[in-house]
C-alpha atoms as a PDB file:
ATOM      1  CA  UNK A   1     146.893  57.806 193.478  1.00  0.00           C
ATOM      2  CA  UNK A   2     143.828  59.942 192.705  1.00  0.00           C
ATOM      3  CA  UNK A   3     141.872  58.457 195.622  1.00  0.00           C
ATOM      4  CA  UNK A   4     144.570  59.820 198.002  1.00  0.00           C
ATOM      5  CA  UNK A   5     144.487  57.043 200.618  1.00  0.00           C
ATOM      6  CA  UNK A   6     146.351  59.215 203.132  1.00  0.00           C
ATOM      7  CA  UNK A   7     143.207  61.322 203.473  1.00  0.00           C
ATOM      8  CA  UNK A   8     140.820  58.400 204.052  1.00  0.00           C
ATOM      9  CA  UNK A   9     141.160  58.422 207.863  1.00  0.00           C
ATOM     10  CA  UNK A  10     139.088  61.616 207.658  1.00  0.00           C
ATOM     11  CA  UNK A  11     136.254  59.519 206.197  1.00  0.00           C
ATOM     12  CA  UNK A  12     136.574  56.489 208.487  1.00  0.00           C
ATOM     13  CA  UNK A  13     137.193  58.239 211.811  1.00  0.00           C
ATOM     14  CA  UNK A  14     133.843  60.036 212.203  1.00  0.00           C
ATOM     15  CA  UNK A  15     131.844  56.876 211.457  1.00  0.00           C
ATOM     16  CA  UNK A  16     133.766  54.917 214.096  1.00  0.00           C
ATOM     17  CA  UNK A  17     133.307  57.635 216.707  1.00  0.00           C
ATOM     18  CA  UNK A  18     129.654  58.354 215.940  1.00  0.00           C
ATOM     19  CA  UNK A  19     128.737  54.668 216.002  1.00  0.00           C
ATOM     20  CA  UNK A  20     130.676  54.037 219.229  1.00  0.00           C
ATOM     21  CA  UNK A  21     128.883  56.994 220.844  1.00  0.00           C
ATOM     22  CA  UNK A  22     125.567  55.381 219.907  1.00  0.00           C
ATOM     23  CA  UNK A  23     126.649  52.070 221.430  1.00  0.00           C
ATOM     24  CA  UNK A  24     127.583  53.975 224.579  1.00  0.00           C
ATOM     25  CA  UNK A  25     123.963  55.100 224.765  1.00  0.00           C
ATOM     26  CA  UNK A  26     122.260  51.793 223.923  1.00  0.00           C
ATOM     27  CA  UNK A  27     124.826  48.962 224.156  1.00  0.00           C
ATOM     28  CA  UNK A  28     123.558  47.900 220.726  1.00  0.00           C
ATOM     29  CA  UNK A  29     124.413  48.625 217.093  1.00  0.00           C
ATOM     30  CA  UNK A  30     122.745  48.399 213.685  1.00  0.00           C
ATOM     31  CA  UNK A  31     125.515  46.564 211.831  1.00  0.00           C
ATOM     32  CA  UNK A  32     124.029  47.209 208.394  1.00  0.00           C
ATOM     33  CA  UNK A  33     123.701  50.931 209.085  1.00  0.00           C
ATOM     34  CA  UNK A  34     127.286  51.078 210.367  1.00  0.00           C
ATOM     35  CA  UNK A  35     128.692  49.354 207.263  1.00  0.00           C
ATOM     36  CA  UNK A  36     126.596  51.514 204.934  1.00  0.00           C
ATOM     37  CA  UNK A  37     127.645  54.724 206.704  1.00  0.00           C
ATOM     38  CA  UNK A  38     131.303  53.652 206.499  1.00  0.00           C
ATOM     39  CA  UNK A  39     131.107  52.783 202.793  1.00  0.00           C
ATOM     40  CA  UNK A  40     129.203  55.977 202.031  1.00  0.00           C
ATOM     41  CA  UNK A  41     131.682  58.155 203.896  1.00  0.00           C
ATOM     42  CA  UNK A  42     134.703  56.542 202.214  1.00  0.00           C
ATOM     43  CA  UNK A  43     133.261  56.934 198.719  1.00  0.00           C
ATOM     44  CA  UNK A  44     132.205  60.523 199.326  1.00  0.00           C
ATOM     45  CA  UNK A  45     135.836  61.197 200.296  1.00  0.00           C
ATOM     46  CA  UNK A  46     137.172  59.348 197.244  1.00  0.00           C
ATOM     47  CA  UNK A  47     134.708  61.147 194.971  1.00  0.00           C
ATOM     48  CA  UNK A  48     135.738  64.480 196.461  1.00  0.00           C
ATOM     49  CA  UNK A  49     139.424  63.693 195.896  1.00  0.00           C
ATOM     50  CA  UNK A  50     138.769  62.680 192.290  1.00  0.00           C
ATOM     51  CA  UNK A  51     136.673  65.797 191.688  1.00  0.00           C
ATOM     52  CA  UNK A  52     139.468  67.892 193.186  1.00  0.00           C
ATOM     53  CA  UNK A  53     142.053  66.219 190.934  1.00  0.00           C
ATOM     54  CA  UNK A  54     139.923  66.915 187.859  1.00  0.00           C
ATOM     55  CA  UNK A  55     138.888  70.477 188.721  1.00  0.00           C
ATOM     56  CA  UNK A  56     142.328  71.668 189.863  1.00  0.00           C
ATOM     57  CA  UNK A  57     143.836  70.397 186.610  1.00  0.00           C
ATOM     58  CA  UNK A  58     141.108  72.110 184.606  1.00  0.00           C
ATOM     59  CA  UNK A  59     141.785  75.411 186.393  1.00  0.00           C
ATOM     60  CA  UNK A  60     145.567  75.089 186.110  1.00  0.00           C
ATOM     61  CA  UNK A  61     146.160  74.896 189.862  1.00  0.00           C
ATOM     62  CA  UNK A  62     148.161  71.626 189.744  1.00  0.00           C
ATOM     63  CA  UNK A  63     151.359  72.628 187.994  1.00  0.00           C
ATOM     64  CA  UNK A  64     154.604  70.710 187.520  1.00  0.00           C
ATOM     65  CA  UNK A  65     156.317  72.600 190.361  1.00  0.00           C
ATOM     66  CA  UNK A  66     153.849  71.596 193.083  1.00  0.00           C
ATOM     67  CA  UNK A  67     155.373  69.902 196.135  1.00  0.00           C
ATOM     68  CA  UNK A  68     152.624  67.359 196.737  1.00  0.00           C
ATOM     69  CA  UNK A  69     152.135  63.902 195.232  1.00  0.00           C
ATOM     70  CA  UNK A  70     151.510  63.594 191.489  1.00  0.00           C
ATOM     71  CA  UNK A  71     147.964  64.449 190.390  1.00  0.00           C
ATOM     72  CA  UNK A  72     146.796  62.012 187.746  1.00  0.00           C
ATOM     73  CA  UNK A  73     144.836  64.477 185.593  1.00  0.00           C
ATOM     74  CA  UNK A  74     147.339  67.324 185.372  1.00  0.00           C
ATOM     75  CA  UNK A  75     150.247  64.897 184.856  1.00  0.00           C
ATOM     76  CA  UNK A  76     148.472  63.146 181.990  1.00  0.00           C
ATOM     77  CA  UNK A  77     148.480  59.745 183.685  1.00  0.00           C
ATOM     78  CA  UNK A  78     144.694  59.460 183.259  1.00  0.00           C
ATOM     79  CA  UNK A  79     142.483  61.220 180.734  1.00  0.00           C
ATOM     80  CA  UNK A  80     140.289  63.949 182.300  1.00  0.00           C
ATOM     81  CA  UNK A  81     137.093  62.257 181.120  1.00  0.00           C
ATOM     82  CA  UNK A  82     138.043  59.005 182.844  1.00  0.00           C
ATOM     83  CA  UNK A  83     138.739  60.851 186.098  1.00  0.00           C
ATOM     84  CA  UNK A  84     135.352  62.561 185.796  1.00  0.00           C
ATOM     85  CA  UNK A  85     133.587  59.238 185.180  1.00  0.00           C
ATOM     86  CA  UNK A  86     135.382  57.704 188.187  1.00  0.00           C
ATOM     87  CA  UNK A  87     134.224  60.673 190.275  1.00  0.00           C
ATOM     88  CA  UNK A  88     130.584  60.028 189.508  1.00  0.00           C
ATOM     89  CA  UNK A  89     130.977  56.268 189.994  1.00  0.00           C
ATOM     90  CA  UNK A  90     132.327  56.937 193.506  1.00  0.00           C
ATOM     91  CA  UNK A  91     129.455  59.303 194.274  1.00  0.00           C
ATOM     92  CA  UNK A  92     126.938  56.811 192.813  1.00  0.00           C
ATOM     93  CA  UNK A  93     128.171  54.161 195.261  1.00  0.00           C
ATOM     94  CA  UNK A  94     127.727  56.669 198.094  1.00  0.00           C
ATOM     95  CA  UNK A  95     124.193  57.467 196.900  1.00  0.00           C
ATOM     96  CA  UNK A  96     123.259  53.773 196.714  1.00  0.00           C
ATOM     97  CA  UNK A  97     124.206  53.163 200.349  1.00  0.00           C
ATOM     98  CA  UNK A  98     122.512  56.457 201.234  1.00  0.00           C
ATOM     99  CA  UNK A  99     119.259  55.107 199.828  1.00  0.00           C
ATOM    100  CA  UNK A 100     119.616  52.078 202.076  1.00  0.00           C
ATOM    101  CA  UNK A 101     120.300  54.307 205.092  1.00  0.00           C
ATOM    102  CA  UNK A 102     117.190  56.335 204.251  1.00  0.00           C
ATOM    103  CA  UNK A 103     115.109  53.163 204.575  1.00  0.00           C
ATOM    104  CA  UNK A 104     116.675  52.595 208.003  1.00  0.00           C
ATOM    105  CA  UNK A 105     116.741  56.098 209.487  1.00  0.00           C
ATOM    106  CA  UNK A 106     114.581  58.287 207.270  1.00  0.00           C
ATOM    107  CA  UNK A 107     114.931  60.721 204.388  1.00  0.00           C
ATOM    108  CA  UNK A 108     117.025  63.184 206.417  1.00  0.00           C
ATOM    109  CA  UNK A 109     120.084  60.953 205.861  1.00  0.00           C
ATOM    110  CA  UNK A 110     119.647  61.147 202.089  1.00  0.00           C
ATOM    111  CA  UNK A 111     119.526  64.937 202.341  1.00  0.00           C
ATOM    112  CA  UNK A 112     122.696  64.964 204.464  1.00  0.00           C
ATOM    113  CA  UNK A 113     124.446  62.692 201.960  1.00  0.00           C
ATOM    114  CA  UNK A 114     123.401  64.855 199.016  1.00  0.00           C
ATOM    115  CA  UNK A 115     124.705  67.967 200.800  1.00  0.00           C
ATOM    116  CA  UNK A 116     128.007  66.187 201.486  1.00  0.00           C
ATOM    117  CA  UNK A 117     128.414  65.209 197.824  1.00  0.00           C
ATOM    118  CA  UNK A 118     127.545  68.740 196.706  1.00  0.00           C
ATOM    119  CA  UNK A 119     130.142  70.130 199.106  1.00  0.00           C
ATOM    120  CA  UNK A 120     132.714  67.702 197.692  1.00  0.00           C
ATOM    121  CA  UNK A 121     132.045  68.746 194.097  1.00  0.00           C
ATOM    122  CA  UNK A 122     131.988  72.475 194.801  1.00  0.00           C
ATOM    123  CA  UNK A 123     135.242  72.433 196.794  1.00  0.00           C
ATOM    124  CA  UNK A 124     137.227  73.041 193.609  1.00  0.00           C
ATOM    125  CA  UNK A 125     134.461  72.721 190.997  1.00  0.00           C
ATOM    126  CA  UNK A 126     131.597  74.888 189.836  1.00  0.00           C
ATOM    127  CA  UNK A 127     131.679  78.585 188.944  1.00  0.00           C
ATOM    128  CA  UNK A 128     132.834  79.757 192.394  1.00  0.00           C
ATOM    129  CA  UNK A 129     134.724  76.945 194.205  1.00  0.00           C
ATOM    130  CA  UNK A 130     134.822  77.638 197.919  1.00  0.00           C
ATOM    131  CA  UNK A 131     138.240  75.973 198.242  1.00  0.00           C
ATOM    132  CA  UNK A 132     139.638  78.836 196.173  1.00  0.00           C
ATOM    133  CA  UNK A 133     138.079  81.365 198.547  1.00  0.00           C
ATOM    134  CA  UNK A 134     139.713  80.142 201.767  1.00  0.00           C
ATOM    135  CA  UNK A 135     136.655  78.238 203.027  1.00  0.00           C
ATOM    136  CA  UNK A 136     137.950  74.681 202.632  1.00  0.00           C
ATOM    137  CA  UNK A 137     138.867  74.256 206.293  1.00  0.00           C
ATOM    138  CA  UNK A 138     135.432  75.404 207.442  1.00  0.00           C
ATOM    139  CA  UNK A 139     133.657  72.902 205.212  1.00  0.00           C
ATOM    140  CA  UNK A 140     135.978  70.044 206.227  1.00  0.00           C
ATOM    141  CA  UNK A 141     135.252  70.792 209.879  1.00  0.00           C
ATOM    142  CA  UNK A 142     131.511  70.855 209.206  1.00  0.00           C
ATOM    143  CA  UNK A 143     131.240  67.775 206.998  1.00  0.00           C
ATOM    144  CA  UNK A 144     134.019  65.497 208.306  1.00  0.00           C
ATOM    145  CA  UNK A 145     133.440  66.523 211.898  1.00  0.00           C
ATOM    146  CA  UNK A 146     129.960  67.690 212.838  1.00  0.00           C
ATOM    147  CA  UNK A 147     127.947  66.144 210.002  1.00  0.00           C
ATOM    148  CA  UNK A 148     129.741  62.796 209.723  1.00  0.00           C
ATOM    149  CA  UNK A 149     129.967  61.991 213.447  1.00  0.00           C
ATOM    150  CA  UNK A 150     126.446  63.114 214.265  1.00  0.00           C
ATOM    151  CA  UNK A 151     125.084  61.519 211.095  1.00  0.00           C
ATOM    152  CA  UNK A 152     126.671  58.187 212.028  1.00  0.00           C
ATOM    153  CA  UNK A 153     125.099  58.490 215.479  1.00  0.00           C
ATOM    154  CA  UNK A 154     121.733  59.402 213.950  1.00  0.00           C
ATOM    155  CA  UNK A 155     121.524  56.310 211.709  1.00  0.00           C
ATOM    156  CA  UNK A 156     121.836  54.206 214.863  1.00  0.00           C
ATOM    157  CA  UNK A 157     119.402  55.961 217.209  1.00  0.00           C
ATOM    158  CA  UNK A 158     117.492  58.383 214.935  1.00  0.00           C
ATOM    159  CA  UNK A 159     118.131  61.277 217.299  1.00  0.00           C
ATOM    160  CA  UNK A 160     120.934  63.680 218.182  1.00  0.00           C
ATOM    161  CA  UNK A 161     122.663  64.214 221.505  1.00  0.00           C
ATOM    162  CA  UNK A 162     125.381  66.193 223.262  1.00  0.00           C
ATOM    163  CA  UNK A 163     127.838  63.280 223.402  1.00  0.00           C
ATOM    164  CA  UNK A 164     128.338  62.829 219.636  1.00  0.00           C
ATOM    165  CA  UNK A 165     128.267  66.591 219.124  1.00  0.00           C
ATOM    166  CA  UNK A 166     131.080  67.158 221.599  1.00  0.00           C
ATOM    167  CA  UNK A 167     133.122  64.280 220.184  1.00  0.00           C
ATOM    168  CA  UNK A 168     132.587  65.541 216.643  1.00  0.00           C
ATOM    169  CA  UNK A 169     134.536  68.672 217.549  1.00  0.00           C
ATOM    170  CA  UNK A 170     137.755  66.758 218.209  1.00  0.00           C
ATOM    171  CA  UNK A 171     137.368  64.665 215.062  1.00  0.00           C
ATOM    172  CA  UNK A 172     136.590  67.774 213.034  1.00  0.00           C
ATOM    173  CA  UNK A 173     139.615  69.654 214.357  1.00  0.00           C
ATOM    174  CA  UNK A 174     142.009  66.872 213.334  1.00  0.00           C
ATOM    175  CA  UNK A 175     140.326  66.346 209.937  1.00  0.00           C
ATOM    176  CA  UNK A 176     140.723  70.064 209.334  1.00  0.00           C
ATOM    177  CA  UNK A 177     144.384  69.845 210.356  1.00  0.00           C
ATOM    178  CA  UNK A 178     144.946  67.397 207.472  1.00  0.00           C
ATOM    179  CA  UNK A 179     143.766  70.026 204.991  1.00  0.00           C
ATOM    180  CA  UNK A 180     145.848  72.695 206.709  1.00  0.00           C
ATOM    181  CA  UNK A 181     149.004  70.600 206.129  1.00  0.00           C
ATOM    182  CA  UNK A 182     148.031  70.120 202.490  1.00  0.00           C
ATOM    183  CA  UNK A 183     147.483  73.845 201.996  1.00  0.00           C
ATOM    184  CA  UNK A 184     150.588  75.040 203.836  1.00  0.00           C
ATOM    185  CA  UNK A 185     152.630  72.663 201.654  1.00  0.00           C
ATOM    186  CA  UNK A 186     151.058  74.058 198.467  1.00  0.00           C
ATOM    187  CA  UNK A 187     151.024  77.671 199.648  1.00  0.00           C
ATOM    188  CA  UNK A 188     153.386  79.107 197.037  1.00  0.00           C
ATOM    189  CA  UNK A 189     152.058  77.188 194.038  1.00  0.00           C
ATOM    190  CA  UNK A 190     148.460  77.932 195.063  1.00  0.00           C
ATOM    191  CA  UNK A 191     149.284  81.635 195.315  1.00  0.00           C
ATOM    192  CA  UNK A 192     150.777  81.663 191.830  1.00  0.00           C
ATOM    193  CA  UNK A 193     147.736  79.822 190.467  1.00  0.00           C
ATOM    194  CA  UNK A 194     145.347  82.303 192.091  1.00  0.00           C
ATOM    195  CA  UNK A 195     143.990  79.653 194.480  1.00  0.00           C
ATOM    196  CA  UNK A 196     143.373  81.771 197.572  1.00  0.00           C
ATOM    197  CA  UNK A 197     143.285  79.061 200.214  1.00  0.00           C
ATOM    198  CA  UNK A 198     143.202  79.956 203.874  1.00  0.00           C
ATOM    199  CA  UNK A 199     146.960  79.292 204.020  1.00  0.00           C
ATOM    200  CA  UNK A 200     147.558  81.779 201.212  1.00  0.00           C
ATOM    201  CA  UNK A 201     145.410  84.360 202.982  1.00  0.00           C
ATOM    202  CA  UNK A 202     146.970  83.849 206.425  1.00  0.00           C
ATOM    203  CA  UNK A 203     150.579  83.307 205.389  1.00  0.00           C
ATOM    204  CA  UNK A 204     152.859  80.478 206.449  1.00  0.00           C
ATOM    205  CA  UNK A 205     153.492  81.426 210.081  1.00  0.00           C
ATOM    206  CA  UNK A 206     149.863  82.014 211.021  1.00  0.00           C
ATOM    207  CA  UNK A 207     148.841  78.832 209.203  1.00  0.00           C
ATOM    208  CA  UNK A 208     151.402  76.918 211.227  1.00  0.00           C
ATOM    209  CA  UNK A 209     149.886  78.332 214.404  1.00  0.00           C
ATOM    210  CA  UNK A 210     146.439  77.350 213.156  1.00  0.00           C
ATOM    211  CA  UNK A 211     147.644  73.760 212.737  1.00  0.00           C
ATOM    212  CA  UNK A 212     148.991  73.689 216.294  1.00  0.00           C
ATOM    213  CA  UNK A 213     145.742  75.196 217.603  1.00  0.00           C
ATOM    214  CA  UNK A 214     143.595  72.587 215.829  1.00  0.00           C
ATOM    215  CA  UNK A 215     145.641  69.675 217.200  1.00  0.00           C
ATOM    216  CA  UNK A 216     145.592  71.103 220.726  1.00  0.00           C
ATOM    217  CA  UNK A 217     141.854  71.837 220.538  1.00  0.00           C
ATOM    218  CA  UNK A 218     141.121  68.218 219.590  1.00  0.00           C
ATOM    219  CA  UNK A 219     142.804  66.974 222.757  1.00  0.00           C
ATOM    220  CA  UNK A 220     140.966  69.551 224.862  1.00  0.00           C
ATOM    221  CA  UNK A 221     137.572  68.690 223.338  1.00  0.00           C
ATOM    222  CA  UNK A 222     137.719  65.054 224.486  1.00  0.00           C
ATOM    223  CA  UNK A 223     137.902  65.581 228.268  1.00  0.00           C
ATOM    224  CA  UNK A 224     135.619  68.628 227.983  1.00  0.00           C
ATOM    225  CA  UNK A 225     133.000  66.340 226.438  1.00  0.00           C
ATOM    226  CA  UNK A 226     133.519  63.126 228.375  1.00  0.00           C
ATOM    227  CA  UNK A 227     134.188  64.198 231.952  1.00  0.00           C
ATOM    228  CA  UNK A 228     130.691  65.702 232.423  1.00  0.00           C
ATOM    229  CA  UNK A 229     129.188  62.327 231.359  1.00  0.00           C
ATOM    230  CA  UNK A 230     130.569  60.457 234.372  1.00  0.00           C
ATOM    231  CA  UNK A 231     127.239  60.832 236.184  1.00  0.00           C
ATOM    232  CA  UNK A 232     125.087  60.890 233.031  1.00  0.00           C
ATOM    233  CA  UNK A 233     121.999  58.756 233.696  1.00  0.00           C
ATOM    234  CA  UNK A 234     121.428  58.263 229.948  1.00  0.00           C
ATOM    235  CA  UNK A 235     124.779  56.562 229.309  1.00  0.00           C
ATOM    236  CA  UNK A 236     124.994  52.789 229.610  1.00  0.00           C
ATOM    237  CA  UNK A 237     128.354  52.886 231.305  1.00  0.00           C
ATOM    238  CA  UNK A 238     131.593  54.762 231.553  1.00  0.00           C
ATOM    239  CA  UNK A 239     131.890  57.131 228.593  1.00  0.00           C
ATOM    240  CA  UNK A 240     134.944  58.523 230.364  1.00  0.00           C
ATOM    241  CA  UNK A 241     136.811  55.454 229.080  1.00  0.00           C
ATOM    242  CA  UNK A 242     137.014  57.459 225.862  1.00  0.00           C
ATOM    243  CA  UNK A 243     139.737  59.486 227.531  1.00  0.00           C
ATOM    244  CA  UNK A 244     142.191  56.830 226.371  1.00  0.00           C
ATOM    245  CA  UNK A 245     142.106  58.787 223.090  1.00  0.00           C
ATOM    246  CA  UNK A 246     144.585  61.112 224.787  1.00  0.00           C
ATOM    247  CA  UNK A 247     147.178  58.327 224.514  1.00  0.00           C
ATOM    248  CA  UNK A 248     147.413  59.161 220.803  1.00  0.00           C
ATOM    249  CA  UNK A 249     149.015  62.548 221.602  1.00  0.00           C
ATOM    250  CA  UNK A 250     152.607  61.337 220.935  1.00  0.00           C
ATOM    251  CA  UNK A 251     151.601  60.735 217.300  1.00  0.00           C
ATOM    252  CA  UNK A 252     151.367  64.515 216.925  1.00  0.00           C
ATOM    253  CA  UNK A 253     155.059  65.108 217.637  1.00  0.00           C
ATOM    254  CA  UNK A 254     156.595  64.418 214.218  1.00  0.00           C
ATOM    255  CA  UNK A 255     153.944  66.076 212.010  1.00  0.00           C
ATOM    256  CA  UNK A 256     153.862  69.060 214.357  1.00  0.00           C
ATOM    257  CA  UNK A 257     157.643  69.481 214.137  1.00  0.00           C
ATOM    258  CA  UNK A 258     157.564  69.229 210.340  1.00  0.00           C
ATOM    259  CA  UNK A 259     154.706  71.698 209.889  1.00  0.00           C
ATOM    260  CA  UNK A 260     156.281  74.221 212.259  1.00  0.00           C
ATOM    261  CA  UNK A 261     159.813  74.112 210.809  1.00  0.00           C
ATOM    262  CA  UNK A 262     159.882  72.657 207.275  1.00  0.00           C
ATOM    263  CA  UNK A 263     158.884  73.902 203.829  1.00  0.00           C
ATOM    264  CA  UNK A 264     160.065  71.042 201.585  1.00  0.00           C
ATOM    265  CA  UNK A 265     157.617  68.697 199.907  1.00  0.00           C
ATOM    266  CA  UNK A 266     158.840  65.340 201.312  1.00  0.00           C
ATOM    267  CA  UNK A 267     158.706  66.581 204.920  1.00  0.00           C
ATOM    268  CA  UNK A 268     155.254  68.091 204.557  1.00  0.00           C
ATOM    269  CA  UNK A 269     153.943  65.067 202.653  1.00  0.00           C
ATOM    270  CA  UNK A 270     155.122  62.958 205.596  1.00  0.00           C
ATOM    271  CA  UNK A 271     153.419  65.429 207.950  1.00  0.00           C
ATOM    272  CA  UNK A 272     150.173  65.019 206.025  1.00  0.00           C
ATOM    273  CA  UNK A 273     150.408  61.234 206.380  1.00  0.00           C
ATOM    274  CA  UNK A 274     151.334  61.665 210.040  1.00  0.00           C
ATOM    275  CA  UNK A 275     148.313  63.867 210.689  1.00  0.00           C
ATOM    276  CA  UNK A 276     146.121  61.244 209.052  1.00  0.00           C
ATOM    277  CA  UNK A 277     147.692  58.621 211.328  1.00  0.00           C
ATOM    278  CA  UNK A 278     147.069  60.897 214.318  1.00  0.00           C
ATOM    279  CA  UNK A 279     143.388  61.200 213.403  1.00  0.00           C
ATOM    280  CA  UNK A 280     143.177  57.432 212.926  1.00  0.00           C
ATOM    281  CA  UNK A 281     144.846  56.646 216.252  1.00  0.00           C
ATOM    282  CA  UNK A 282     142.820  59.283 218.089  1.00  0.00           C
ATOM    283  CA  UNK A 283     139.531  58.013 216.676  1.00  0.00           C
ATOM    284  CA  UNK A 284     140.240  54.307 217.111  1.00  0.00           C
ATOM    285  CA  UNK A 285     141.221  54.820 220.749  1.00  0.00           C
ATOM    286  CA  UNK A 286     138.239  57.096 221.352  1.00  0.00           C
ATOM    287  CA  UNK A 287     135.826  54.597 219.807  1.00  0.00           C
ATOM    288  CA  UNK A 288     137.453  51.693 221.664  1.00  0.00           C
ATOM    289  CA  UNK A 289     137.146  53.527 224.982  1.00  0.00           C
ATOM    290  CA  UNK A 290     133.458  54.249 224.395  1.00  0.00           C
ATOM    291  CA  UNK A 291     132.849  50.589 223.542  1.00  0.00           C
ATOM    292  CA  UNK A 292     134.750  49.388 226.630  1.00  0.00           C
ATOM    293  CA  UNK A 293     132.652  51.655 228.809  1.00  0.00           C
ATOM    294  CA  UNK A 294     129.338  50.686 227.198  1.00  0.00           C
END
């Protein structure tokens, strides 16, 4: 429950897309680096979720009247110390694979991993958590979009490029949309707890529009990135095959309808899961298209 499996597509998606973009460039893949990047990303996400569970309970943000799933610390299901220990175990696993990746692609990957873990801890922890200041969406976009996709590309080729950067925008937009659903669901309880998320600051209607904008922007970013690569001499084949990611658009219908019209917990919890499924479908199709065209 504390690991929040519905959010894990945000950890898996960027690794799939970044690695597939690298294969598009070289028609080859470092399997060990791919597996390590995937494991590291998943455990950074799990560690962040555990840290969030612990810190929100400590600050009194997770109260009994919240609409989201039960939080194990605030509900008393797990002792706070055990949640904290589990947090650091998850981050330790991420660090161990980061050390391996550093031997493959250099020390820069270890620095990126350390920054990602620090961002996860400080989301709701530390003296001035940025999640309480309305900056959560920005950091999700940066770390689960730009950093994770481009980092996964970098461990394969040890360089950066326009292709993974452009694709990271779409992944980042949808990962951010997951957090937007979470925060619009918890808007009232967060406000009462003094947790000034972006949803609290914008209000429900503008947050709903932000969600719609993020989903639309993801589907614009794909053709904007891939169509100019049709005549790219550095690609091994047809990167434009990645346009099959657009076939995932129907998955947006139900979560979009729920976010735009509903305020009850069950509907918005389903919308959160649906947005995670949208990100998963989008990323799997995008990665598959890049691999087909390689």
